[in-house]
Amino acid sequence: MLKRTFDIVASAAGLVILLPLLLIVAVLIKIDSSGPALFRQKRIGRNFVPFDLYKFRSMVADASHVGPAITAGHDPRITRIGGVLRKSKIDELPQLLNVLKGDMSIVGPRPEVARYVELFKDDFAVVLTVKPGITDYSSIRYRDEQSVLASYADPEAGYVNEVLPAKLALSKQYVRDRNLLVDLCTIFRTMYAIVLR
């Protein structure tokens, strides 16, 4: 109950405070490339219930139809403004709407698409006992996942065989550790990691 109250207050305050920035980013995306400002994708939430995750669009429209599900290195589908949004993590800010709606929490395991959840269903059975979140331990460890995946000859195989299992181990650790103090520390660590980058 305390976590949900924190999520509602934090996400509502964040949306109000960041509204000018959100509007500016939306306009810049529309100027930079054709297509909607927001990107919506089905992700798997708590207890395996799917939901629509919101992000600022950082790739060309219909990018999922012209390339793999993951992005690695200098993916040509990423727009000019999209590269900046990804590095600064500003593309994640619309997920505050998901938090306000109750699909997500501020802190929790990052939600995945169904195809990857099916590959590691036993692990996700543990991870998805809690709501997915905007950030957690794995978000900090893999804050530049795009560059990590670029080091693999086959980025998707690298993601499935090495990166995702490592992220799941960190997410399960968060599930074991979780409390309000851990969440606050994770938020500050995330902000520090972004600023440091």
C-alpha atoms as a PDB file:
ATOM      1  CA  MET A   1       0.000   0.000   0.000  1.00  0.00           C
ATOM      2  CA  LEU A   2       2.838   2.387   0.885  1.00  0.00           C
ATOM      3  CA  LYS A   3       4.615   1.570  -2.380  1.00  0.00           C
ATOM      4  CA  ARG A   4       1.471   2.280  -4.425  1.00  0.00           C
ATOM      5  CA  THR A   5       0.948   5.585  -2.615  1.00  0.00           C
ATOM      6  CA  PHE A   6       4.553   6.537  -3.336  1.00  0.00           C
ATOM      7  CA  ASP A   7       4.117   5.555  -7.005  1.00  0.00           C
ATOM      8  CA  ILE A   8       0.964   7.661  -7.405  1.00  0.00           C
ATOM      9  CA  VAL A   9       2.457  10.736  -5.727  1.00  0.00           C
ATOM     10  CA  ALA A  10       5.830  10.452  -7.516  1.00  0.00           C
ATOM     11  CA  SER A  11       4.397   9.788 -10.985  1.00  0.00           C
ATOM     12  CA  ALA A  12       1.737  12.525 -10.718  1.00  0.00           C
ATOM     13  CA  ALA A  13       4.291  15.053  -9.454  1.00  0.00           C
ATOM     14  CA  GLY A  14       6.754  14.007 -12.138  1.00  0.00           C
ATOM     15  CA  LEU A  15       4.198  14.435 -14.919  1.00  0.00           C
ATOM     16  CA  VAL A  16       3.204  17.895 -13.670  1.00  0.00           C
ATOM     17  CA  ILE A  17       6.775  19.126 -13.149  1.00  0.00           C
ATOM     18  CA  LEU A  18       8.042  17.641 -16.415  1.00  0.00           C
ATOM     19  CA  LEU A  19       5.036  18.669 -18.551  1.00  0.00           C
ATOM     20  CA  PRO A  20       6.903  21.492 -20.394  1.00  0.00           C
ATOM     21  CA  LEU A  21       9.791  19.127 -21.194  1.00  0.00           C
ATOM     22  CA  LEU A  22       7.401  16.391 -22.339  1.00  0.00           C
ATOM     23  CA  LEU A  23       5.629  18.794 -24.698  1.00  0.00           C
ATOM     24  CA  ILE A  24       8.916  20.094 -26.138  1.00  0.00           C
ATOM     25  CA  VAL A  25      10.200  16.559 -26.702  1.00  0.00           C
ATOM     26  CA  ALA A  26       6.941  15.554 -28.412  1.00  0.00           C
ATOM     27  CA  VAL A  27       7.209  18.519 -30.798  1.00  0.00           C
ATOM     28  CA  LEU A  28      10.878  17.778 -31.558  1.00  0.00           C
ATOM     29  CA  ILE A  29      10.061  14.156 -32.377  1.00  0.00           C
ATOM     30  CA  LYS A  30       7.323  15.236 -34.783  1.00  0.00           C
ATOM     31  CA  ILE A  31       9.667  17.743 -36.460  1.00  0.00           C
ATOM     32  CA  ASP A  32      12.507  15.222 -36.717  1.00  0.00           C
ATOM     33  CA  SER A  33      10.596  12.376 -38.365  1.00  0.00           C
ATOM     34  CA  SER A  34       7.138  11.333 -39.470  1.00  0.00           C
ATOM     35  CA  GLY A  35       5.015   9.280 -37.130  1.00  0.00           C
ATOM     36  CA  PRO A  36       3.539   9.588 -33.642  1.00  0.00           C
ATOM     37  CA  ALA A  37       5.484  11.124 -30.755  1.00  0.00           C
ATOM     38  CA  LEU A  38       4.641   8.212 -28.473  1.00  0.00           C
ATOM     39  CA  PHE A  39       5.597   4.591 -29.046  1.00  0.00           C
ATOM     40  CA  ARG A  40       3.321   1.912 -27.597  1.00  0.00           C
ATOM     41  CA  GLN A  41       4.309  -1.733 -27.205  1.00  0.00           C
ATOM     42  CA  LYS A  42       2.788  -4.766 -25.498  1.00  0.00           C
ATOM     43  CA  ARG A  43       4.832  -5.869 -22.492  1.00  0.00           C
ATOM     44  CA  ILE A  44       4.173  -8.538 -19.897  1.00  0.00           C
ATOM     45  CA  GLY A  45       3.303  -7.265 -16.429  1.00  0.00           C
ATOM     46  CA  ARG A  46       2.642  -8.650 -12.978  1.00  0.00           C
ATOM     47  CA  ASN A  47       1.246 -12.202 -12.980  1.00  0.00           C
ATOM     48  CA  PHE A  48       1.877 -12.371 -16.750  1.00  0.00           C
ATOM     49  CA  VAL A  49      -0.849  -9.837 -17.554  1.00  0.00           C
ATOM     50  CA  PRO A  50       0.028  -7.889 -20.737  1.00  0.00           C
ATOM     51  CA  PHE A  51      -0.191  -4.101 -20.873  1.00  0.00           C
ATOM     52  CA  ASP A  52       0.683  -1.248 -23.248  1.00  0.00           C
ATOM     53  CA  LEU A  53       3.998   0.363 -22.334  1.00  0.00           C
ATOM     54  CA  TYR A  54       4.528   3.996 -23.388  1.00  0.00           C
ATOM     55  CA  LYS A  55       7.784   5.561 -24.495  1.00  0.00           C
ATOM     56  CA  PHE A  56       8.766   8.514 -26.622  1.00  0.00           C
ATOM     57  CA  ARG A  57       9.388   7.227 -30.134  1.00  0.00           C
ATOM     58  CA  SER A  58      13.139   7.132 -30.727  1.00  0.00           C
ATOM     59  CA  MET A  59      13.110   5.148 -33.978  1.00  0.00           C
ATOM     60  CA  VAL A  60      11.528   5.522 -37.383  1.00  0.00           C
ATOM     61  CA  ALA A  61       7.840   4.692 -37.612  1.00  0.00           C
ATOM     62  CA  ASP A  62       7.154   0.943 -37.922  1.00  0.00           C
ATOM     63  CA  ALA A  63      10.743   0.141 -36.882  1.00  0.00           C
ATOM     64  CA  SER A  64       9.628  -3.243 -35.530  1.00  0.00           C
ATOM     65  CA  HIS A  65       8.706  -4.289 -39.077  1.00  0.00           C
ATOM     66  CA  VAL A  66      12.104  -3.440 -40.564  1.00  0.00           C
ATOM     67  CA  GLY A  67      14.525  -4.870 -38.014  1.00  0.00           C
ATOM     68  CA  PRO A  68      15.060  -6.986 -34.892  1.00  0.00           C
ATOM     69  CA  ALA A  69      13.260  -6.576 -31.560  1.00  0.00           C
ATOM     70  CA  ILE A  70      16.435  -5.264 -29.912  1.00  0.00           C
ATOM     71  CA  THR A  71      18.723  -2.380 -30.826  1.00  0.00           C
ATOM     72  CA  ALA A  72      22.494  -2.579 -30.845  1.00  0.00           C
ATOM     73  CA  GLY A  73      25.206  -0.061 -31.662  1.00  0.00           C
ATOM     74  CA  HIS A  74      24.361   2.577 -34.226  1.00  0.00           C
ATOM     75  CA  ASP A  75      21.054   1.136 -35.364  1.00  0.00           C
ATOM     76  CA  PRO A  76      20.027   3.048 -38.521  1.00  0.00           C
ATOM     77  CA  ARG A  77      16.399   2.975 -37.380  1.00  0.00           C
ATOM     78  CA  ILE A  78      17.182   5.392 -34.526  1.00  0.00           C
ATOM     79  CA  THR A  79      16.303   8.983 -35.406  1.00  0.00           C
ATOM     80  CA  ARG A  80      18.522  11.990 -34.688  1.00  0.00           C
ATOM     81  CA  ILE A  81      16.470  13.140 -31.710  1.00  0.00           C
ATOM     82  CA  GLY A  82      15.960   9.490 -30.752  1.00  0.00           C
ATOM     83  CA  GLY A  83      19.674   9.016 -30.105  1.00  0.00           C
ATOM     84  CA  VAL A  84      19.639  11.897 -27.619  1.00  0.00           C
ATOM     85  CA  LEU A  85      16.464  10.633 -25.947  1.00  0.00           C
ATOM     86  CA  ARG A  86      17.932   7.159 -25.479  1.00  0.00           C
ATOM     87  CA  LYS A  87      21.238   8.339 -24.027  1.00  0.00           C
ATOM     88  CA  SER A  88      19.508  10.663 -21.580  1.00  0.00           C
ATOM     89  CA  LYS A  89      16.726   8.116 -20.849  1.00  0.00           C
ATOM     90  CA  ILE A  90      14.162  10.840 -21.564  1.00  0.00           C
ATOM     91  CA  ASP A  91      12.419   8.355 -23.869  1.00  0.00           C
ATOM     92  CA  GLU A  92      11.369   6.442 -20.731  1.00  0.00           C
ATOM     93  CA  LEU A  93       9.490   9.363 -19.118  1.00  0.00           C
ATOM     94  CA  PRO A  94       6.042   8.530 -20.600  1.00  0.00           C
ATOM     95  CA  GLN A  95       6.137   5.390 -18.461  1.00  0.00           C
ATOM     96  CA  LEU A  96       5.116   7.672 -15.605  1.00  0.00           C
ATOM     97  CA  LEU A  97       1.660   7.295 -17.203  1.00  0.00           C
ATOM     98  CA  ASN A  98       1.970   3.525 -16.817  1.00  0.00           C
ATOM     99  CA  VAL A  99       2.852   4.013 -13.154  1.00  0.00           C
ATOM    100  CA  LEU A 100      -0.118   6.322 -12.594  1.00  0.00           C
ATOM    101  CA  LYS A 101      -2.434   3.801 -14.292  1.00  0.00           C
ATOM    102  CA  GLY A 102      -1.109   1.012 -12.073  1.00  0.00           C
ATOM    103  CA  ASP A 103       0.538  -1.089 -14.804  1.00  0.00           C
ATOM    104  CA  MET A 104       4.013  -0.350 -13.461  1.00  0.00           C
ATOM    105  CA  SER A 105       5.885   0.925 -10.434  1.00  0.00           C
ATOM    106  CA  ILE A 106       8.655   3.531 -10.294  1.00  0.00           C
ATOM    107  CA  VAL A 107      11.058   0.781  -9.186  1.00  0.00           C
ATOM    108  CA  GLY A 108      10.657  -2.812 -10.310  1.00  0.00           C
ATOM    109  CA  PRO A 109      11.986  -5.321 -12.848  1.00  0.00           C
ATOM    110  CA  ARG A 110      11.990  -3.991 -16.390  1.00  0.00           C
ATOM    111  CA  PRO A 111       9.054  -5.406 -18.384  1.00  0.00           C
ATOM    112  CA  GLU A 112       9.800  -7.603 -21.382  1.00  0.00           C
ATOM    113  CA  VAL A 113       7.999  -8.500 -24.588  1.00  0.00           C
ATOM    114  CA  ALA A 114       6.152 -11.827 -24.691  1.00  0.00           C
ATOM    115  CA  ARG A 115       8.677 -13.675 -26.863  1.00  0.00           C
ATOM    116  CA  TYR A 116      11.478 -13.279 -24.329  1.00  0.00           C
ATOM    117  CA  VAL A 117       9.202 -13.997 -21.375  1.00  0.00           C
ATOM    118  CA  GLU A 118       8.265 -17.326 -22.961  1.00  0.00           C
ATOM    119  CA  LEU A 119      11.940 -18.298 -23.252  1.00  0.00           C
ATOM    120  CA  PHE A 120      12.521 -17.795 -19.513  1.00  0.00           C
ATOM    121  CA  LYS A 121       9.078 -18.470 -18.090  1.00  0.00           C
ATOM    122  CA  ASP A 122      10.311 -20.014 -14.814  1.00  0.00           C
ATOM    123  CA  ASP A 123      12.518 -16.998 -14.088  1.00  0.00           C
ATOM    124  CA  PHE A 124       9.739 -14.569 -14.959  1.00  0.00           C
ATOM    125  CA  ALA A 125       7.369 -16.500 -12.687  1.00  0.00           C
ATOM    126  CA  VAL A 126       9.521 -15.139  -9.840  1.00  0.00           C
ATOM    127  CA  VAL A 127      10.190 -11.705 -11.323  1.00  0.00           C
ATOM    128  CA  LEU A 128       6.561 -11.026 -12.209  1.00  0.00           C
ATOM    129  CA  THR A 129       5.282 -11.572  -8.693  1.00  0.00           C
ATOM    130  CA  VAL A 130       5.807  -7.797  -8.468  1.00  0.00           C
ATOM    131  CA  LYS A 131       4.883  -4.978 -10.816  1.00  0.00           C
ATOM    132  CA  PRO A 132       7.470  -4.148 -13.466  1.00  0.00           C
ATOM    133  CA  GLY A 133       9.155  -0.793 -13.071  1.00  0.00           C
ATOM    134  CA  ILE A 134      10.908   2.063 -14.807  1.00  0.00           C
ATOM    135  CA  THR A 135      14.194   1.183 -13.105  1.00  0.00           C
ATOM    136  CA  ASP A 136      15.789  -1.535 -10.996  1.00  0.00           C
ATOM    137  CA  TYR A 137      19.216  -3.112 -10.432  1.00  0.00           C
ATOM    138  CA  SER A 138      19.434  -4.364 -14.027  1.00  0.00           C
ATOM    139  CA  SER A 139      18.569  -0.917 -15.429  1.00  0.00           C
ATOM    140  CA  ILE A 140      21.594   0.518 -13.637  1.00  0.00           C
ATOM    141  CA  ARG A 141      23.943  -2.320 -14.571  1.00  0.00           C
ATOM    142  CA  TYR A 142      22.845  -2.232 -18.223  1.00  0.00           C
ATOM    143  CA  ARG A 143      22.166   1.486 -18.545  1.00  0.00           C
ATOM    144  CA  ASP A 144      23.975   1.414 -21.921  1.00  0.00           C
ATOM    145  CA  GLU A 145      22.626  -1.911 -23.125  1.00  0.00           C
ATOM    146  CA  GLN A 146      22.728  -0.810 -26.740  1.00  0.00           C
ATOM    147  CA  SER A 147      26.532  -0.562 -26.638  1.00  0.00           C
ATOM    148  CA  VAL A 148      26.828  -3.849 -24.740  1.00  0.00           C
ATOM    149  CA  LEU A 149      24.835  -5.666 -27.423  1.00  0.00           C
ATOM    150  CA  ALA A 150      26.950  -4.069 -30.160  1.00  0.00           C
ATOM    151  CA  SER A 151      29.937  -6.094 -28.889  1.00  0.00           C
ATOM    152  CA  TYR A 152      28.264  -9.346 -29.965  1.00  0.00           C
ATOM    153  CA  ALA A 153      28.539 -10.722 -33.493  1.00  0.00           C
ATOM    154  CA  ASP A 154      24.870 -11.677 -33.147  1.00  0.00           C
ATOM    155  CA  PRO A 155      23.277  -9.111 -30.785  1.00  0.00           C
ATOM    156  CA  GLU A 156      20.012 -10.989 -30.354  1.00  0.00           C
ATOM    157  CA  ALA A 157      21.798 -14.252 -29.495  1.00  0.00           C
ATOM    158  CA  GLY A 158      23.976 -12.300 -27.068  1.00  0.00           C
ATOM    159  CA  TYR A 159      20.867 -10.827 -25.466  1.00  0.00           C
ATOM    160  CA  VAL A 160      19.102 -14.174 -25.090  1.00  0.00           C
ATOM    161  CA  ASN A 161      22.130 -16.207 -24.004  1.00  0.00           C
ATOM    162  CA  GLU A 162      23.979 -13.750 -21.764  1.00  0.00           C
ATOM    163  CA  VAL A 163      22.444 -10.325 -21.174  1.00  0.00           C
ATOM    164  CA  LEU A 164      18.854 -11.323 -20.387  1.00  0.00           C
ATOM    165  CA  PRO A 165      19.838 -14.132 -17.957  1.00  0.00           C
ATOM    166  CA  ALA A 166      22.113 -11.656 -16.144  1.00  0.00           C
ATOM    167  CA  LYS A 167      19.305  -9.081 -16.011  1.00  0.00           C
ATOM    168  CA  LEU A 168      16.889 -11.682 -14.688  1.00  0.00           C
ATOM    169  CA  ALA A 169      19.318 -12.624 -11.903  1.00  0.00           C
ATOM    170  CA  LEU A 170      19.499  -8.946 -10.885  1.00  0.00           C
ATOM    171  CA  SER A 171      15.722  -8.586 -11.088  1.00  0.00           C
ATOM    172  CA  LYS A 172      15.226 -11.635  -8.861  1.00  0.00           C
ATOM    173  CA  GLN A 173      17.675 -10.097  -6.409  1.00  0.00           C
ATOM    174  CA  TYR A 174      15.540  -6.932  -6.383  1.00  0.00           C
ATOM    175  CA  VAL A 175      12.417  -9.005  -5.691  1.00  0.00           C
ATOM    176  CA  ARG A 176      14.167 -10.487  -2.644  1.00  0.00           C
ATOM    177  CA  ASP A 177      15.508  -7.123  -1.421  1.00  0.00           C
ATOM    178  CA  ARG A 178      12.579  -4.827  -2.138  1.00  0.00           C
ATOM    179  CA  ASN A 179      11.385  -2.263   0.392  1.00  0.00           C
ATOM    180  CA  LEU A 180      10.882   1.507   0.318  1.00  0.00           C
ATOM    181  CA  LEU A 181      14.480   2.280   1.302  1.00  0.00           C
ATOM    182  CA  VAL A 182      15.815   0.007  -1.439  1.00  0.00           C
ATOM    183  CA  ASP A 183      13.496   1.744  -3.927  1.00  0.00           C
ATOM    184  CA  LEU A 184      14.700   5.206  -2.913  1.00  0.00           C
ATOM    185  CA  CYS A 185      18.345   4.128  -3.143  1.00  0.00           C
ATOM    186  CA  THR A 186      17.675   2.603  -6.578  1.00  0.00           C
ATOM    187  CA  ILE A 187      16.096   5.847  -7.808  1.00  0.00           C
ATOM    188  CA  PHE A 188      19.091   7.894  -6.660  1.00  0.00           C
ATOM    189  CA  ARG A 189      21.544   5.367  -8.119  1.00  0.00           C
ATOM    190  CA  THR A 190      19.685   5.516 -11.432  1.00  0.00           C
ATOM    191  CA  MET A 191      19.781   9.317 -11.507  1.00  0.00           C
ATOM    192  CA  TYR A 192      23.487   9.284 -10.653  1.00  0.00           C
ATOM    193  CA  ALA A 193      24.207   6.722 -13.404  1.00  0.00           C
ATOM    194  CA  ILE A 194      22.369   8.863 -15.988  1.00  0.00           C
ATOM    195  CA  VAL A 195      24.137  12.059 -14.948  1.00  0.00           C
ATOM    196  CA  LEU A 196      27.484  10.281 -14.847  1.00  0.00           C
ATOM    197  CA  ARG A 197      26.948   9.010 -18.390  1.00  0.00           C
END
